[in-house]
């Protein structure tokens, strides 16, 4: 499986704001996640539920910008800026690097988020 093609496809879906769809399509069932705030998920279903909850709390998407993606072997790193207005009147502005480890089937088995600011 061509990891660069898979990362490009996944990043395109994320850039369109379809974050839940990206997880459903590209995550392996046993995929784990971790972020710079100490949070994480232990499998695909937990990540889907987390992303559905997050997406449901967004009032407006002001912008999602995909800056770059690098691929080395079975690891990719994608740089994004996310700008959201939330339903609780808060604002989210994330500039982050998303590091993914892919399996031989072209599925994400580990995703980690780094604050790029």
Protein backbone atom coordinates (compact mmCIF):
# COMPACT_ATOMS: atom_id res chain seq x y z
CA UNK A 1 0.00 0.00 0.00
CA UNK A 2 1.33 3.44 -0.93
CA UNK A 3 1.44 5.41 2.34
CA UNK A 4 1.99 8.74 0.57
CA UNK A 5 -1.22 8.23 -1.44
CA UNK A 6 -3.14 7.22 1.69
CA UNK A 7 -1.86 10.22 3.67
CA UNK A 8 -2.77 12.56 0.78
CA UNK A 9 -6.29 11.13 0.59
CA UNK A 10 -6.80 11.33 4.35
CA UNK A 11 -5.47 14.89 4.57
CA UNK A 12 -7.81 15.94 1.77
CA UNK A 13 -10.82 14.62 3.68
CA UNK A 14 -9.67 16.30 6.92
CA UNK A 15 -9.13 19.61 5.05
CA UNK A 16 -12.77 19.45 3.93
CA UNK A 17 -13.85 19.21 7.57
CA UNK A 18 -14.97 15.57 7.36
CA UNK A 19 -12.84 14.49 10.32
CA UNK A 20 -15.20 11.69 11.41
CA UNK A 21 -15.24 10.28 7.87
CA UNK A 22 -11.43 10.34 7.76
CA UNK A 23 -11.27 8.26 10.95
CA UNK A 24 -13.90 5.81 9.70
CA UNK A 25 -12.15 5.36 6.38
CA UNK A 26 -8.47 5.28 7.37
CA UNK A 27 -8.13 4.06 10.97
CA UNK A 28 -7.41 0.42 11.78
CA UNK A 29 -9.74 -1.08 14.41
CA UNK A 30 -6.91 -1.14 16.97
CA UNK A 31 -5.64 2.41 16.24
CA UNK A 32 -4.59 4.53 19.21
CA UNK A 33 -4.24 8.30 19.54
CA UNK A 34 -2.47 10.67 21.91
CA UNK A 35 -2.22 14.43 22.12
CA UNK A 36 -0.13 17.13 23.73
CA UNK A 37 -2.76 17.65 26.45
CA UNK A 38 -2.39 14.09 27.72
CA UNK A 39 -5.60 12.79 26.16
CA UNK A 40 -5.98 9.87 23.83
CA UNK A 41 -8.06 6.99 22.56
CA UNK A 42 -7.45 3.25 22.63
CA UNK A 43 -9.26 2.08 19.47
CA UNK A 44 -11.06 3.22 16.31
CA UNK A 45 -14.54 3.19 17.85
CA UNK A 46 -13.44 5.38 20.75
CA UNK A 47 -11.86 7.85 18.30
CA UNK A 48 -15.03 7.93 16.17
CA UNK A 49 -17.09 8.73 19.26
CA UNK A 50 -14.62 11.42 20.34
CA UNK A 51 -14.62 13.05 16.89
CA UNK A 52 -18.42 12.86 16.58
CA UNK A 53 -18.71 14.68 19.91
CA UNK A 54 -16.14 17.26 18.88
CA UNK A 55 -17.72 17.84 15.45
CA UNK A 56 -21.12 18.23 17.08
CA UNK A 57 -19.79 21.02 19.30
CA UNK A 58 -18.59 23.17 16.37
CA UNK A 59 -20.80 26.15 15.57
CA UNK A 60 -18.76 27.42 12.60
CA UNK A 61 -15.70 26.33 10.68
CA UNK A 62 -13.73 29.48 9.94
CA UNK A 63 -10.99 27.58 8.19
CA UNK A 64 -9.01 24.38 7.90
CA UNK A 65 -5.67 24.80 6.18
CA UNK A 66 -3.47 21.88 5.20
CA UNK A 67 0.07 23.21 4.93
CA UNK A 68 2.35 20.22 4.27
CA UNK A 69 2.65 16.46 4.54
CA UNK A 70 5.89 14.51 4.82
CA UNK A 71 6.12 10.73 4.48
CA UNK A 72 9.05 8.55 5.51
CA UNK A 73 8.44 4.81 5.28
CA UNK A 74 5.27 4.01 7.20
CA UNK A 75 5.17 7.35 9.08
CA UNK A 76 3.55 10.58 7.90
CA UNK A 77 3.49 14.05 9.44
CA UNK A 78 0.83 16.54 8.35
CA UNK A 79 0.70 20.21 9.32
CA UNK A 80 -2.73 21.81 9.69
CA UNK A 81 -4.31 24.97 11.06
CA UNK A 82 -7.84 24.57 12.43
CA UNK A 83 -10.01 27.62 13.20
CA UNK A 84 -13.42 26.93 14.79
CA UNK A 85 -16.15 28.83 16.62
CA UNK A 86 -17.69 26.49 19.17
CA UNK A 87 -21.30 26.24 20.29
CA UNK A 88 -20.29 27.27 23.82
CA UNK A 89 -19.05 30.61 22.35
CA UNK A 90 -15.39 29.63 22.76
CA UNK A 91 -12.95 29.72 19.88
CA UNK A 92 -10.44 27.06 18.86
CA UNK A 93 -7.36 27.92 16.84
CA UNK A 94 -4.96 25.01 16.53
CA UNK A 95 -1.77 24.93 14.53
CA UNK A 96 -0.68 21.33 14.85
CA UNK A 97 1.36 18.51 13.44
CA UNK A 98 -0.44 15.19 13.12
CA UNK A 99 1.98 12.26 13.13
CA UNK A 100 0.58 8.97 11.86
CA UNK A 101 1.99 5.46 11.82
CA UNK A 102 0.47 3.30 9.07
CA UNK A 103 0.22 -0.48 8.74
CA UNK A 104 0.86 -2.49 5.57
CA UNK A 105 -2.86 -2.29 4.68
CA UNK A 106 -2.69 1.51 4.48
CA UNK A 107 -4.52 2.06 7.77
CA UNK A 108 -3.53 4.37 10.62
CA UNK A 109 -2.49 2.38 13.69
CA UNK A 110 -1.24 5.33 15.76
CA UNK A 111 -1.96 9.04 15.52
CA UNK A 112 -0.30 11.67 17.68
CA UNK A 113 -0.95 15.42 17.81
CA UNK A 114 1.71 18.04 18.44
CA UNK A 115 1.15 21.74 19.05
CA UNK A 116 3.04 23.54 16.28
CA UNK A 117 2.89 27.00 17.83
